[in-house]
Amino acid sequence: MSDNGEQVRCVLLNINEDKLMLPNSALVEVVPVRNIINVANKPRWMIGYLDWRGNSVPLVAFETINGVRMPSLANHDVRAAVVYSVGQDKSIPFMSFLVQGAPQVMNVFAADIVADTAVPSHPAIQCKALVKGEQVSIIAMEKLEGMIKSVMTH
């Protein structure tokens, strides 16, 4: 984000007790979790593929990457956030991860963000921060995409 007072529209997604923040433009849609194509011999966090609008989108339990238990898919509050991939390799144009509840949209200025100096323990979290007084995790989209691609190619 720039320091020139430019505002960025962001979205907060609930994952267990954490809130992930990403640019609103990265989020495609939040959908019910249905029609999952399971994947054998993959890490616990790689649930499989979500059948979304005729696309097979990798579905991840984000919190399970860091050892936290995955939420029950029977819970009607659990949904899948479909996001655009950000890397140069467009073999996987979308990826998705489990979220709870509805996303929260907010407008954020650079001055609204106070970085947390603690190093995050989650491999796909870029950093933690306070945004308008609320603690959030800023997702490392390229890192998550790389993790998904490395699992799907083995």
N, C-alpha and C. Protein backbone atom coordinates (compact mmCIF):
# COMPACT_ATOMS: atom_id res chain seq x y z
N MET A 1 0.84 -1.18 0.00
CA MET A 1 0.00 0.00 0.00
C MET A 1 0.88 1.24 0.00
N SER A 2 0.44 2.23 -0.64
CA SER A 2 1.23 3.46 -0.73
C SER A 2 0.91 4.39 0.43
N ASP A 3 1.79 5.33 0.65
CA ASP A 3 1.62 6.29 1.73
C ASP A 3 0.92 7.56 1.27
N ASN A 4 0.38 7.58 0.05
CA ASN A 4 -0.20 8.81 -0.47
C ASN A 4 -1.68 8.97 -0.10
N GLY A 5 -2.14 8.22 0.91
CA GLY A 5 -3.52 8.34 1.32
C GLY A 5 -4.47 7.50 0.50
N GLU A 6 -3.93 6.68 -0.39
CA GLU A 6 -4.77 5.82 -1.21
C GLU A 6 -5.44 4.76 -0.35
N GLN A 7 -6.70 4.57 -0.62
CA GLN A 7 -7.50 3.61 0.13
C GLN A 7 -7.59 2.30 -0.65
N VAL A 8 -7.48 1.17 0.06
CA VAL A 8 -7.60 -0.13 -0.57
C VAL A 8 -8.80 -0.84 0.04
N ARG A 9 -9.64 -1.38 -0.80
CA ARG A 9 -10.80 -2.15 -0.33
C ARG A 9 -10.30 -3.56 -0.03
N CYS A 10 -10.48 -3.99 1.22
CA CYS A 10 -10.01 -5.29 1.67
C CYS A 10 -11.18 -6.13 2.16
N VAL A 11 -10.92 -7.42 2.31
CA VAL A 11 -11.92 -8.32 2.84
C VAL A 11 -11.28 -9.11 3.98
N LEU A 12 -12.05 -9.29 5.06
CA LEU A 12 -11.63 -10.11 6.18
C LEU A 12 -12.42 -11.41 6.13
N LEU A 13 -11.70 -12.52 6.21
CA LEU A 13 -12.31 -13.84 6.19
C LEU A 13 -12.02 -14.53 7.51
N ASN A 14 -13.04 -15.09 8.14
CA ASN A 14 -12.86 -15.79 9.42
C ASN A 14 -12.40 -17.21 9.19
N ILE A 15 -11.30 -17.55 9.84
CA ILE A 15 -10.80 -18.91 9.84
C ILE A 15 -10.50 -19.25 11.29
N ASN A 16 -11.37 -20.07 11.88
CA ASN A 16 -11.30 -20.37 13.31
C ASN A 16 -11.28 -19.06 14.08
N GLU A 17 -10.27 -18.86 14.91
CA GLU A 17 -10.19 -17.64 15.72
C GLU A 17 -9.44 -16.52 15.01
N ASP A 18 -8.96 -16.78 13.81
CA ASP A 18 -8.14 -15.81 13.08
C ASP A 18 -8.98 -15.11 12.02
N LYS A 19 -8.52 -13.93 11.62
CA LYS A 19 -9.12 -13.21 10.51
C LYS A 19 -8.03 -13.00 9.47
N LEU A 20 -8.28 -13.50 8.26
CA LEU A 20 -7.35 -13.30 7.16
C LEU A 20 -7.76 -12.06 6.39
N MET A 21 -6.79 -11.22 6.05
CA MET A 21 -7.08 -10.03 5.27
C MET A 21 -6.41 -10.16 3.91
N LEU A 22 -7.18 -9.86 2.88
CA LEU A 22 -6.63 -9.83 1.53
C LEU A 22 -7.36 -8.76 0.75
N PRO A 23 -6.78 -8.31 -0.35
CA PRO A 23 -7.48 -7.30 -1.15
C PRO A 23 -8.81 -7.86 -1.65
N ASN A 24 -9.83 -7.04 -1.65
CA ASN A 24 -11.15 -7.46 -2.10
C ASN A 24 -11.08 -7.99 -3.53
N SER A 25 -10.19 -7.43 -4.34
CA SER A 25 -10.07 -7.85 -5.73
C SER A 25 -9.53 -9.28 -5.87
N ALA A 26 -8.93 -9.84 -4.82
CA ALA A 26 -8.43 -11.22 -4.88
C ALA A 26 -9.54 -12.24 -4.67
N LEU A 27 -10.61 -11.83 -4.00
CA LEU A 27 -11.72 -12.74 -3.70
C LEU A 27 -12.68 -12.79 -4.87
N VAL A 28 -12.94 -14.01 -5.35
CA VAL A 28 -13.88 -14.18 -6.45
C VAL A 28 -15.29 -14.37 -5.90
N GLU A 29 -15.43 -15.32 -4.95
CA GLU A 29 -16.76 -15.65 -4.44
C GLU A 29 -16.61 -16.51 -3.19
N VAL A 30 -17.57 -16.41 -2.29
CA VAL A 30 -17.67 -17.31 -1.14
C VAL A 30 -18.88 -18.19 -1.40
N VAL A 31 -18.65 -19.53 -1.43
CA VAL A 31 -19.70 -20.47 -1.84
C VAL A 31 -19.86 -21.59 -0.80
N PRO A 32 -21.03 -22.23 -0.80
CA PRO A 32 -21.20 -23.41 0.06
C PRO A 32 -20.22 -24.50 -0.37
N VAL A 33 -19.81 -25.31 0.59
CA VAL A 33 -18.89 -26.41 0.29
C VAL A 33 -19.72 -27.61 -0.15
N ARG A 34 -19.69 -27.85 -1.44
CA ARG A 34 -20.41 -28.99 -2.03
C ARG A 34 -19.54 -29.57 -3.13
N ASN A 35 -19.85 -30.78 -3.50
CA ASN A 35 -19.20 -31.43 -4.65
C ASN A 35 -17.67 -31.39 -4.55
N ILE A 36 -17.15 -31.94 -3.46
CA ILE A 36 -15.70 -32.00 -3.29
C ILE A 36 -15.18 -33.28 -3.92
N ILE A 37 -14.15 -33.14 -4.73
CA ILE A 37 -13.48 -34.28 -5.33
C ILE A 37 -12.27 -34.56 -4.44
N ASN A 38 -12.31 -35.67 -3.71
CA ASN A 38 -11.23 -36.00 -2.78
C ASN A 38 -9.95 -36.34 -3.52
N VAL A 39 -8.83 -36.09 -2.84
CA VAL A 39 -7.51 -36.38 -3.40
C VAL A 39 -6.81 -37.33 -2.44
N ALA A 40 -6.36 -38.45 -2.95
CA ALA A 40 -5.68 -39.45 -2.12
C ALA A 40 -4.21 -39.09 -1.94
N ASN A 41 -3.65 -39.54 -0.82
CA ASN A 41 -2.21 -39.43 -0.54
C ASN A 41 -1.69 -37.99 -0.57
N LYS A 42 -2.45 -37.08 -0.01
CA LYS A 42 -2.05 -35.68 0.08
C LYS A 42 -2.02 -35.28 1.55
N PRO A 43 -1.37 -34.17 1.89
CA PRO A 43 -1.38 -33.71 3.29
C PRO A 43 -2.81 -33.44 3.76
N ARG A 44 -3.03 -33.50 5.07
CA ARG A 44 -4.37 -33.27 5.64
C ARG A 44 -4.97 -31.94 5.21
N TRP A 45 -4.15 -30.92 5.02
CA TRP A 45 -4.67 -29.60 4.70
C TRP A 45 -5.20 -29.50 3.27
N MET A 46 -4.78 -30.44 2.41
CA MET A 46 -5.26 -30.44 1.02
C MET A 46 -6.49 -31.33 0.95
N ILE A 47 -7.67 -30.71 1.00
CA ILE A 47 -8.93 -31.45 1.07
C ILE A 47 -9.23 -32.13 -0.26
N GLY A 48 -8.99 -31.43 -1.34
CA GLY A 48 -9.28 -31.96 -2.67
C GLY A 48 -9.59 -30.83 -3.62
N TYR A 49 -10.52 -31.09 -4.52
CA TYR A 49 -10.94 -30.07 -5.48
C TYR A 49 -12.40 -29.72 -5.26
N LEU A 50 -12.68 -28.44 -5.32
CA LEU A 50 -14.05 -27.94 -5.25
C LEU A 50 -14.54 -27.82 -6.68
N ASP A 51 -15.69 -28.41 -6.96
CA ASP A 51 -16.30 -28.27 -8.28
C ASP A 51 -17.04 -26.94 -8.27
N TRP A 52 -16.45 -25.93 -8.90
CA TRP A 52 -16.99 -24.57 -8.86
C TRP A 52 -17.12 -24.05 -10.29
N ARG A 53 -18.34 -23.82 -10.70
CA ARG A 53 -18.65 -23.26 -12.03
C ARG A 53 -17.94 -24.01 -13.16
N GLY A 54 -17.88 -25.33 -13.03
CA GLY A 54 -17.24 -26.15 -14.05
C GLY A 54 -15.73 -26.22 -13.95
N ASN A 55 -15.17 -25.61 -12.92
CA ASN A 55 -13.72 -25.64 -12.69
C ASN A 55 -13.41 -26.56 -11.51
N SER A 56 -12.30 -27.26 -11.56
CA SER A 56 -11.80 -28.03 -10.42
C SER A 56 -10.81 -27.14 -9.69
N VAL A 57 -11.25 -26.58 -8.56
CA VAL A 57 -10.45 -25.60 -7.81
C VAL A 57 -9.87 -26.27 -6.57
N PRO A 58 -8.54 -26.23 -6.38
CA PRO A 58 -7.96 -26.82 -5.18
C PRO A 58 -8.60 -26.22 -3.93
N LEU A 59 -8.99 -27.10 -2.98
CA LEU A 59 -9.63 -26.68 -1.74
C LEU A 59 -8.72 -27.03 -0.57
N VAL A 60 -8.41 -26.02 0.24
CA VAL A 60 -7.45 -26.14 1.33
C VAL A 60 -8.13 -25.82 2.66
N ALA A 61 -7.78 -26.57 3.69
CA ALA A 61 -8.14 -26.21 5.07
C ALA A 61 -6.95 -25.41 5.60
N PHE A 62 -7.02 -24.10 5.46
CA PHE A 62 -5.91 -23.20 5.75
C PHE A 62 -5.33 -23.41 7.15
N GLU A 63 -6.20 -23.55 8.14
CA GLU A 63 -5.75 -23.68 9.51
C GLU A 63 -5.03 -25.00 9.75
N THR A 64 -5.37 -26.02 8.99
CA THR A 64 -4.75 -27.34 9.16
C THR A 64 -3.29 -27.33 8.72
N ILE A 65 -2.91 -26.41 7.85
CA ILE A 65 -1.51 -26.28 7.44
C ILE A 65 -0.63 -26.06 8.67
N ASN A 66 -1.19 -25.36 9.65
CA ASN A 66 -0.44 -25.02 10.87
C ASN A 66 -0.81 -25.93 12.04
N GLY A 67 -1.47 -27.05 11.76
CA GLY A 67 -1.75 -28.03 12.80
C GLY A 67 -3.04 -27.85 13.57
N VAL A 68 -3.85 -26.84 13.23
CA VAL A 68 -5.13 -26.64 13.90
C VAL A 68 -6.16 -27.54 13.23
N ARG A 69 -7.08 -28.04 14.01
CA ARG A 69 -8.09 -28.95 13.48
C ARG A 69 -9.00 -28.24 12.49
N MET A 70 -9.34 -28.97 11.42
CA MET A 70 -10.22 -28.46 10.38
C MET A 70 -11.65 -28.38 10.91
N PRO A 71 -12.41 -27.34 10.53
CA PRO A 71 -13.81 -27.27 10.96
C PRO A 71 -14.63 -28.35 10.26
N SER A 72 -15.72 -28.73 10.88
CA SER A 72 -16.60 -29.75 10.31
C SER A 72 -17.29 -29.20 9.06
N LEU A 73 -17.24 -29.97 8.01
CA LEU A 73 -17.91 -29.55 6.78
C LEU A 73 -19.42 -29.67 6.90
N ALA A 74 -19.89 -30.35 7.95
CA ALA A 74 -21.34 -30.45 8.19
C ALA A 74 -21.90 -29.15 8.75
N ASN A 75 -21.04 -28.29 9.27
CA ASN A 75 -21.46 -27.00 9.81
C ASN A 75 -21.86 -26.09 8.64
N HIS A 76 -23.08 -25.60 8.66
CA HIS A 76 -23.56 -24.76 7.56
C HIS A 76 -22.89 -23.40 7.51
N ASP A 77 -22.13 -23.06 8.54
CA ASP A 77 -21.41 -21.80 8.58
C ASP A 77 -20.09 -21.90 7.81
N VAL A 78 -19.64 -23.11 7.51
CA VAL A 78 -18.38 -23.32 6.80
C VAL A 78 -18.63 -23.21 5.30
N ARG A 79 -17.83 -22.38 4.66
CA ARG A 79 -17.94 -22.14 3.22
C ARG A 79 -16.55 -22.17 2.61
N ALA A 80 -16.50 -22.03 1.31
CA ALA A 80 -15.23 -21.98 0.60
C ALA A 80 -15.05 -20.59 -0.01
N ALA A 81 -13.91 -19.98 0.26
CA ALA A 81 -13.56 -18.70 -0.37
C ALA A 81 -12.75 -19.03 -1.62
N VAL A 82 -13.28 -18.70 -2.78
CA VAL A 82 -12.57 -18.91 -4.03
C VAL A 82 -11.82 -17.62 -4.34
N VAL A 83 -10.50 -17.75 -4.57
CA VAL A 83 -9.66 -16.58 -4.82
C VAL A 83 -8.88 -16.79 -6.11
N TYR A 84 -8.47 -15.68 -6.71
CA TYR A 84 -7.63 -15.74 -7.90
C TYR A 84 -6.22 -16.16 -7.50
N SER A 85 -5.59 -16.97 -8.33
CA SER A 85 -4.17 -17.25 -8.15
C SER A 85 -3.40 -16.01 -8.60
N VAL A 86 -2.23 -15.81 -8.02
CA VAL A 86 -1.50 -14.58 -8.30
C VAL A 86 -0.19 -14.79 -9.03
N GLY A 87 0.28 -16.03 -9.11
CA GLY A 87 1.57 -16.32 -9.73
C GLY A 87 1.52 -16.23 -11.24
N GLN A 88 2.69 -16.36 -11.84
CA GLN A 88 2.81 -16.30 -13.30
C GLN A 88 2.27 -17.55 -13.98
N ASP A 89 2.39 -18.70 -13.30
CA ASP A 89 1.92 -19.97 -13.84
C ASP A 89 0.40 -20.03 -13.68
N LYS A 90 -0.31 -20.02 -14.78
CA LYS A 90 -1.78 -19.98 -14.73
C LYS A 90 -2.41 -21.37 -14.88
N SER A 91 -1.65 -22.44 -14.56
CA SER A 91 -2.22 -23.79 -14.65
C SER A 91 -3.30 -23.99 -13.59
N ILE A 92 -3.23 -23.24 -12.49
CA ILE A 92 -4.27 -23.23 -11.48
C ILE A 92 -4.75 -21.79 -11.35
N PRO A 93 -5.79 -21.40 -12.11
CA PRO A 93 -6.21 -20.00 -12.10
C PRO A 93 -6.92 -19.57 -10.81
N PHE A 94 -7.46 -20.55 -10.06
CA PHE A 94 -8.16 -20.26 -8.81
C PHE A 94 -7.70 -21.24 -7.75
N MET A 95 -7.85 -20.84 -6.50
CA MET A 95 -7.66 -21.74 -5.37
C MET A 95 -8.74 -21.37 -4.36
N SER A 96 -8.99 -22.27 -3.41
CA SER A 96 -10.03 -21.98 -2.43
C SER A 96 -9.62 -22.51 -1.07
N PHE A 97 -10.18 -21.91 -0.03
CA PHE A 97 -9.92 -22.39 1.32
C PHE A 97 -11.17 -22.21 2.16
N LEU A 98 -11.26 -23.03 3.23
CA LEU A 98 -12.43 -23.00 4.09
C LEU A 98 -12.45 -21.75 4.93
N VAL A 99 -13.63 -21.16 5.07
CA VAL A 99 -13.84 -19.99 5.93
C VAL A 99 -15.14 -20.20 6.69
N GLN A 100 -15.33 -19.44 7.74
CA GLN A 100 -16.56 -19.49 8.51
C GLN A 100 -17.27 -18.15 8.41
N GLY A 101 -18.57 -18.20 8.19
CA GLY A 101 -19.35 -16.98 8.16
C GLY A 101 -19.16 -16.17 6.90
N ALA A 102 -19.70 -14.97 6.95
CA ALA A 102 -19.66 -14.07 5.80
C ALA A 102 -18.40 -13.21 5.84
N PRO A 103 -17.85 -12.87 4.69
CA PRO A 103 -16.70 -11.96 4.66
C PRO A 103 -17.10 -10.56 5.11
N GLN A 104 -16.13 -9.86 5.66
CA GLN A 104 -16.34 -8.47 6.08
C GLN A 104 -15.49 -7.58 5.17
N VAL A 105 -16.12 -6.65 4.49
CA VAL A 105 -15.41 -5.75 3.59
C VAL A 105 -15.10 -4.46 4.34
N MET A 106 -13.87 -3.96 4.17
CA MET A 106 -13.50 -2.69 4.79
C MET A 106 -12.55 -1.92 3.88
N ASN A 107 -12.60 -0.62 4.00
CA ASN A 107 -11.67 0.25 3.29
C ASN A 107 -10.51 0.56 4.23
N VAL A 108 -9.30 0.39 3.73
CA VAL A 108 -8.12 0.51 4.57
C VAL A 108 -7.13 1.49 3.95
N PHE A 109 -6.63 2.39 4.78
CA PHE A 109 -5.53 3.28 4.41
C PHE A 109 -4.25 2.71 5.01
N ALA A 110 -3.11 3.03 4.46
CA ALA A 110 -1.84 2.57 5.02
C ALA A 110 -1.71 2.97 6.49
N ALA A 111 -2.21 4.14 6.85
CA ALA A 111 -2.13 4.62 8.23
C ALA A 111 -2.98 3.78 9.18
N ASP A 112 -3.93 3.01 8.65
CA ASP A 112 -4.79 2.16 9.48
C ASP A 112 -4.09 0.88 9.92
N ILE A 113 -2.94 0.58 9.33
CA ILE A 113 -2.26 -0.70 9.57
C ILE A 113 -1.07 -0.50 10.49
N VAL A 114 -1.07 -1.25 11.60
CA VAL A 114 0.06 -1.26 12.52
C VAL A 114 0.63 -2.67 12.50
N ALA A 115 1.84 -2.83 11.99
CA ALA A 115 2.45 -4.16 11.85
C ALA A 115 2.78 -4.75 13.21
N ASP A 116 2.58 -6.04 13.34
CA ASP A 116 2.97 -6.81 14.51
C ASP A 116 4.38 -7.33 14.23
N THR A 117 5.28 -7.15 15.16
CA THR A 117 6.68 -7.55 14.93
C THR A 117 6.90 -9.05 15.13
N ALA A 118 5.93 -9.75 15.69
CA ALA A 118 6.07 -11.19 15.89
C ALA A 118 6.10 -11.90 14.53
N VAL A 119 6.97 -12.90 14.42
CA VAL A 119 7.05 -13.68 13.20
C VAL A 119 5.93 -14.72 13.22
N PRO A 120 5.07 -14.73 12.20
CA PRO A 120 3.96 -15.69 12.20
C PRO A 120 4.47 -17.12 12.09
N SER A 121 3.80 -18.03 12.78
CA SER A 121 4.20 -19.43 12.74
C SER A 121 3.58 -20.17 11.55
N HIS A 122 2.56 -19.61 10.96
CA HIS A 122 1.89 -20.24 9.82
C HIS A 122 2.69 -19.96 8.55
N PRO A 123 3.00 -20.99 7.76
CA PRO A 123 3.84 -20.77 6.58
C PRO A 123 3.19 -19.94 5.48
N ALA A 124 1.86 -19.80 5.47
CA ALA A 124 1.20 -19.02 4.42
C ALA A 124 0.66 -17.69 4.95
N ILE A 125 1.17 -17.26 6.10
CA ILE A 125 0.83 -15.93 6.63
C ILE A 125 2.05 -15.05 6.44
N GLN A 126 1.87 -13.96 5.73
CA GLN A 126 2.97 -13.02 5.48
C GLN A 126 3.33 -12.27 6.75
N CYS A 127 2.31 -11.76 7.45
CA CYS A 127 2.53 -11.04 8.70
C CYS A 127 1.21 -10.88 9.44
N LYS A 128 1.33 -10.48 10.68
CA LYS A 128 0.16 -10.14 11.50
C LYS A 128 0.16 -8.62 11.64
N ALA A 129 -1.03 -8.07 11.82
CA ALA A 129 -1.13 -6.62 11.95
C ALA A 129 -2.41 -6.26 12.70
N LEU A 130 -2.43 -5.04 13.18
CA LEU A 130 -3.65 -4.46 13.72
C LEU A 130 -4.19 -3.52 12.65
N VAL A 131 -5.43 -3.72 12.27
CA VAL A 131 -6.07 -2.86 11.27
C VAL A 131 -7.32 -2.30 11.92
N LYS A 132 -7.29 -0.99 12.11
CA LYS A 132 -8.41 -0.31 12.78
C LYS A 132 -8.71 -0.98 14.12
N GLY A 133 -7.65 -1.37 14.82
CA GLY A 133 -7.78 -1.96 16.15
C GLY A 133 -8.09 -3.45 16.18
N GLU A 134 -8.23 -4.08 15.03
CA GLU A 134 -8.56 -5.49 14.95
C GLU A 134 -7.35 -6.28 14.47
N GLN A 135 -7.00 -7.38 15.19
CA GLN A 135 -5.85 -8.18 14.77
C GLN A 135 -6.22 -9.03 13.56
N VAL A 136 -5.37 -8.98 12.54
CA VAL A 136 -5.59 -9.73 11.31
C VAL A 136 -4.29 -10.41 10.90
N SER A 137 -4.44 -11.43 10.08
CA SER A 137 -3.30 -12.08 9.44
C SER A 137 -3.36 -11.74 7.97
N ILE A 138 -2.25 -11.32 7.42
CA ILE A 138 -2.20 -10.99 6.00
C ILE A 138 -1.63 -12.20 5.28
N ILE A 139 -2.45 -12.74 4.41
CA ILE A 139 -2.12 -13.98 3.73
C ILE A 139 -1.03 -13.76 2.68
N ALA A 140 -0.13 -14.72 2.59
CA ALA A 140 0.92 -14.72 1.57
C ALA A 140 0.40 -15.56 0.40
N MET A 141 -0.31 -14.92 -0.50
CA MET A 141 -1.01 -15.62 -1.58
C MET A 141 -0.05 -16.44 -2.45
N GLU A 142 1.10 -15.89 -2.81
CA GLU A 142 2.04 -16.62 -3.66
C GLU A 142 2.58 -17.85 -2.93
N LYS A 143 2.82 -17.73 -1.64
CA LYS A 143 3.31 -18.86 -0.85
C LYS A 143 2.26 -19.96 -0.81
N LEU A 144 1.00 -19.61 -0.54
CA LEU A 144 -0.08 -20.59 -0.50
C LEU A 144 -0.23 -21.27 -1.86
N GLU A 145 -0.19 -20.48 -2.90
CA GLU A 145 -0.30 -21.02 -4.25
C GLU A 145 0.84 -21.99 -4.54
N GLY A 146 2.04 -21.65 -4.13
CA GLY A 146 3.20 -22.53 -4.32
C GLY A 146 3.04 -23.84 -3.56
N MET A 147 2.52 -23.76 -2.34
CA MET A 147 2.30 -24.96 -1.54
C MET A 147 1.29 -25.87 -2.23
N ILE A 148 0.22 -25.29 -2.73
CA ILE A 148 -0.81 -26.07 -3.42
C ILE A 148 -0.24 -26.72 -4.66
N LYS A 149 0.49 -25.95 -5.46
CA LYS A 149 1.05 -26.48 -6.70
C LYS A 149 2.04 -27.60 -6.42
N SER A 150 2.86 -27.46 -5.37
CA SER A 150 3.84 -28.52 -5.08
C SER A 150 3.15 -29.81 -4.65
N VAL A 151 2.03 -29.70 -3.95
CA VAL A 151 1.28 -30.89 -3.52
C VAL A 151 0.56 -31.51 -4.72
N MET A 152 0.00 -30.70 -5.58
CA MET A 152 -0.80 -31.23 -6.68
C MET A 152 0.06 -31.84 -7.78
N THR A 153 1.33 -31.52 -7.83
CA THR A 153 2.19 -32.07 -8.88
C THR A 153 2.91 -33.35 -8.43
N HIS A 154 2.69 -33.77 -7.19
CA HIS A 154 3.33 -35.00 -6.68
C HIS A 154 2.32 -36.11 -6.57
